[in-house]
């Protein structure tokens, strides 16, 4: 079984819906969120790939990260914005979907779902 992560449009860019200042930044620090608060919304696929690489490294979940194209096809297909985790089975069915981030973004829950899915296979 193969697992991948797909990085979509930046959820909280500095030049968009930003969490870097004010009460939200305090809440994120208190909740120990690992979301970046200094990212500008990528304008090219190369910029999006660079940010995705930083995200993959920061989260350290050990799953290869792919990048949604600039037309946001994956994001639109799975209603993934602002942040959502999915586990799709080999048959194409959704095995697990997390809630909307950033406060319901829990990679550990996805890991548990992956382990449960693998043990049932």
C-alpha atoms as a PDB file:
ATOM      1  CA  UNK A   1       0.000   0.000   0.000  1.00  0.00           C
ATOM      2  CA  UNK A   2       1.292   3.459  -0.877  1.00  0.00           C
ATOM      3  CA  UNK A   3       0.506   6.692   0.940  1.00  0.00           C
ATOM      4  CA  UNK A   4       0.994  10.196  -0.376  1.00  0.00           C
ATOM      5  CA  UNK A   5       0.264  13.670   0.846  1.00  0.00           C
ATOM      6  CA  UNK A   6      -0.968  16.352  -1.524  1.00  0.00           C
ATOM      7  CA  UNK A   7      -0.130  19.928  -0.677  1.00  0.00           C
ATOM      8  CA  UNK A   8      -2.908  22.271  -1.800  1.00  0.00           C
ATOM      9  CA  UNK A   9      -3.262  26.065  -1.861  1.00  0.00           C
ATOM     10  CA  UNK A  10      -1.711  27.773   1.162  1.00  0.00           C
ATOM     11  CA  UNK A  11      -4.420  28.048   3.812  1.00  0.00           C
ATOM     12  CA  UNK A  12      -3.155  31.033   5.801  1.00  0.00           C
ATOM     13  CA  UNK A  13      -0.761  33.111   3.711  1.00  0.00           C
ATOM     14  CA  UNK A  14       0.611  36.448   4.856  1.00  0.00           C
ATOM     15  CA  UNK A  15      -1.135  38.047   1.855  1.00  0.00           C
ATOM     16  CA  UNK A  16      -4.468  36.329   2.573  1.00  0.00           C
ATOM     17  CA  UNK A  17      -6.295  34.916   5.608  1.00  0.00           C
ATOM     18  CA  UNK A  18      -3.285  35.282   7.911  1.00  0.00           C
ATOM     19  CA  UNK A  19      -2.872  33.897  11.441  1.00  0.00           C
ATOM     20  CA  UNK A  20       0.424  35.649  12.168  1.00  0.00           C
ATOM     21  CA  UNK A  21      -0.919  38.435  14.389  1.00  0.00           C
ATOM     22  CA  UNK A  22      -3.575  39.031  16.981  1.00  0.00           C
ATOM     23  CA  UNK A  23      -5.683  36.575  18.989  1.00  0.00           C
ATOM     24  CA  UNK A  24      -5.374  33.738  16.453  1.00  0.00           C
ATOM     25  CA  UNK A  25      -1.590  33.676  16.730  1.00  0.00           C
ATOM     26  CA  UNK A  26      -1.909  33.444  20.525  1.00  0.00           C
ATOM     27  CA  UNK A  27      -4.433  30.590  20.236  1.00  0.00           C
ATOM     28  CA  UNK A  28      -2.190  28.745  17.792  1.00  0.00           C
ATOM     29  CA  UNK A  29       0.784  29.054  20.138  1.00  0.00           C
ATOM     30  CA  UNK A  30      -1.284  27.846  23.102  1.00  0.00           C
ATOM     31  CA  UNK A  31      -2.551  24.883  21.057  1.00  0.00           C
ATOM     32  CA  UNK A  32       1.033  24.178  19.920  1.00  0.00           C
ATOM     33  CA  UNK A  33      -0.018  24.306  16.280  1.00  0.00           C
ATOM     34  CA  UNK A  34       2.838  23.726  13.848  1.00  0.00           C
ATOM     35  CA  UNK A  35       1.306  25.769  11.050  1.00  0.00           C
ATOM     36  CA  UNK A  36       3.600  28.265   9.356  1.00  0.00           C
ATOM     37  CA  UNK A  37       2.610  31.880   9.853  1.00  0.00           C
ATOM     38  CA  UNK A  38       5.092  33.511   7.485  1.00  0.00           C
ATOM     39  CA  UNK A  39       4.185  32.072   4.061  1.00  0.00           C
ATOM     40  CA  UNK A  40       3.207  34.227   1.099  1.00  0.00           C
ATOM     41  CA  UNK A  41       0.619  32.596  -1.196  1.00  0.00           C
ATOM     42  CA  UNK A  42       2.629  30.942  -3.983  1.00  0.00           C
ATOM     43  CA  UNK A  43       2.017  32.415  -7.444  1.00  0.00           C
ATOM     44  CA  UNK A  44       3.854  29.721  -9.427  1.00  0.00           C
ATOM     45  CA  UNK A  45       4.066  25.945  -9.225  1.00  0.00           C
ATOM     46  CA  UNK A  46       7.760  26.239  -8.313  1.00  0.00           C
ATOM     47  CA  UNK A  47       6.905  28.463  -5.324  1.00  0.00           C
ATOM     48  CA  UNK A  48       4.127  26.070  -4.265  1.00  0.00           C
ATOM     49  CA  UNK A  49       6.533  23.124  -4.470  1.00  0.00           C
ATOM     50  CA  UNK A  50       9.056  24.966  -2.293  1.00  0.00           C
ATOM     51  CA  UNK A  51       6.446  25.714   0.381  1.00  0.00           C
ATOM     52  CA  UNK A  52       5.195  22.106   0.202  1.00  0.00           C
ATOM     53  CA  UNK A  53       8.744  20.885   0.829  1.00  0.00           C
ATOM     54  CA  UNK A  54       9.026  23.115   3.893  1.00  0.00           C
ATOM     55  CA  UNK A  55       5.671  21.809   5.142  1.00  0.00           C
ATOM     56  CA  UNK A  56       6.694  18.177   4.614  1.00  0.00           C
ATOM     57  CA  UNK A  57       9.908  18.772   6.534  1.00  0.00           C
ATOM     58  CA  UNK A  58       8.184  20.619   9.396  1.00  0.00           C
ATOM     59  CA  UNK A  59       5.431  18.030   9.912  1.00  0.00           C
ATOM     60  CA  UNK A  60       7.811  15.042   9.650  1.00  0.00           C
ATOM     61  CA  UNK A  61       5.082  12.517   8.963  1.00  0.00           C
ATOM     62  CA  UNK A  62       7.210  10.375   6.657  1.00  0.00           C
ATOM     63  CA  UNK A  63       4.810  10.411   3.708  1.00  0.00           C
ATOM     64  CA  UNK A  64       5.889  11.646   0.294  1.00  0.00           C
ATOM     65  CA  UNK A  65       4.285  14.988  -0.546  1.00  0.00           C
ATOM     66  CA  UNK A  66       2.930  15.810  -3.983  1.00  0.00           C
ATOM     67  CA  UNK A  67       1.665  19.232  -4.996  1.00  0.00           C
ATOM     68  CA  UNK A  68      -1.736  20.207  -6.365  1.00  0.00           C
ATOM     69  CA  UNK A  69      -1.458  22.107  -9.651  1.00  0.00           C
ATOM     70  CA  UNK A  70      -2.146  25.842  -9.742  1.00  0.00           C
ATOM     71  CA  UNK A  71      -5.701  25.156 -10.980  1.00  0.00           C
ATOM     72  CA  UNK A  72      -6.372  23.554  -7.552  1.00  0.00           C
ATOM     73  CA  UNK A  73      -8.055  20.460  -9.037  1.00  0.00           C
ATOM     74  CA  UNK A  74      -7.391  18.214  -6.001  1.00  0.00           C
ATOM     75  CA  UNK A  75      -8.434  20.936  -3.586  1.00  0.00           C
ATOM     76  CA  UNK A  76     -11.714  21.404  -5.446  1.00  0.00           C
ATOM     77  CA  UNK A  77     -12.386  17.659  -5.751  1.00  0.00           C
ATOM     78  CA  UNK A  78     -11.964  17.009  -2.011  1.00  0.00           C
ATOM     79  CA  UNK A  79     -13.040  20.361  -0.490  1.00  0.00           C
ATOM     80  CA  UNK A  80      -9.629  20.318   1.144  1.00  0.00           C
ATOM     81  CA  UNK A  81      -9.137  24.019   1.903  1.00  0.00           C
ATOM     82  CA  UNK A  82      -8.119  25.372   4.338  1.00  0.00           C
ATOM     83  CA  UNK A  83      -6.592  22.177   5.751  1.00  0.00           C
ATOM     84  CA  UNK A  84      -7.937  18.682   5.662  1.00  0.00           C
ATOM     85  CA  UNK A  85      -6.440  15.213   5.935  1.00  0.00           C
ATOM     86  CA  UNK A  86      -7.802  12.294   3.921  1.00  0.00           C
ATOM     87  CA  UNK A  87      -6.952   8.626   3.628  1.00  0.00           C
ATOM     88  CA  UNK A  88      -8.115   7.166   0.322  1.00  0.00           C
ATOM     89  CA  UNK A  89      -8.136   3.395  -0.055  1.00  0.00           C
ATOM     90  CA  UNK A  90      -6.715   1.596  -3.067  1.00  0.00           C
ATOM     91  CA  UNK A  91     -10.304   1.212  -4.283  1.00  0.00           C
ATOM     92  CA  UNK A  92     -10.687   5.017  -4.363  1.00  0.00           C
ATOM     93  CA  UNK A  93     -13.013   5.226  -1.356  1.00  0.00           C
ATOM     94  CA  UNK A  94     -12.438   7.670   1.467  1.00  0.00           C
ATOM     95  CA  UNK A  95     -11.276   5.679   4.501  1.00  0.00           C
ATOM     96  CA  UNK A  96     -10.673   8.655   6.791  1.00  0.00           C
ATOM     97  CA  UNK A  97     -11.239  12.391   6.582  1.00  0.00           C
ATOM     98  CA  UNK A  98     -10.258  14.868   9.224  1.00  0.00           C
ATOM     99  CA  UNK A  99     -12.055  18.045  10.100  1.00  0.00           C
ATOM    100  CA  UNK A 100     -11.184  21.482   8.837  1.00  0.00           C
ATOM    101  CA  UNK A 101      -7.934  22.952  10.050  1.00  0.00           C
ATOM    102  CA  UNK A 102      -6.100  24.453  11.573  1.00  0.00           C
ATOM    103  CA  UNK A 103      -7.679  23.437  14.887  1.00  0.00           C
ATOM    104  CA  UNK A 104      -8.944  20.083  13.639  1.00  0.00           C
ATOM    105  CA  UNK A 105      -5.711  19.283  11.775  1.00  0.00           C
ATOM    106  CA  UNK A 106      -4.326  16.237  13.576  1.00  0.00           C
ATOM    107  CA  UNK A 107      -1.705  14.205  11.676  1.00  0.00           C
ATOM    108  CA  UNK A 108      -1.634  11.764  14.626  1.00  0.00           C
ATOM    109  CA  UNK A 109      -5.286  10.853  13.961  1.00  0.00           C
ATOM    110  CA  UNK A 110      -4.430  10.212  10.315  1.00  0.00           C
ATOM    111  CA  UNK A 111      -1.541   8.009  11.429  1.00  0.00           C
ATOM    112  CA  UNK A 112      -3.918   6.018  13.639  1.00  0.00           C
ATOM    113  CA  UNK A 113      -6.361   5.661  10.727  1.00  0.00           C
ATOM    114  CA  UNK A 114      -3.543   4.427   8.472  1.00  0.00           C
ATOM    115  CA  UNK A 115      -2.429   1.858  11.061  1.00  0.00           C
ATOM    116  CA  UNK A 116      -6.019   0.676  11.558  1.00  0.00           C
ATOM    117  CA  UNK A 117      -6.585   0.434   7.807  1.00  0.00           C
ATOM    118  CA  UNK A 118      -3.367  -1.528   7.281  1.00  0.00           C
ATOM    119  CA  UNK A 119      -4.147  -3.973  10.091  1.00  0.00           C
ATOM    120  CA  UNK A 120      -7.599  -4.628   8.606  1.00  0.00           C
ATOM    121  CA  UNK A 121      -6.148  -5.326   5.120  1.00  0.00           C
END
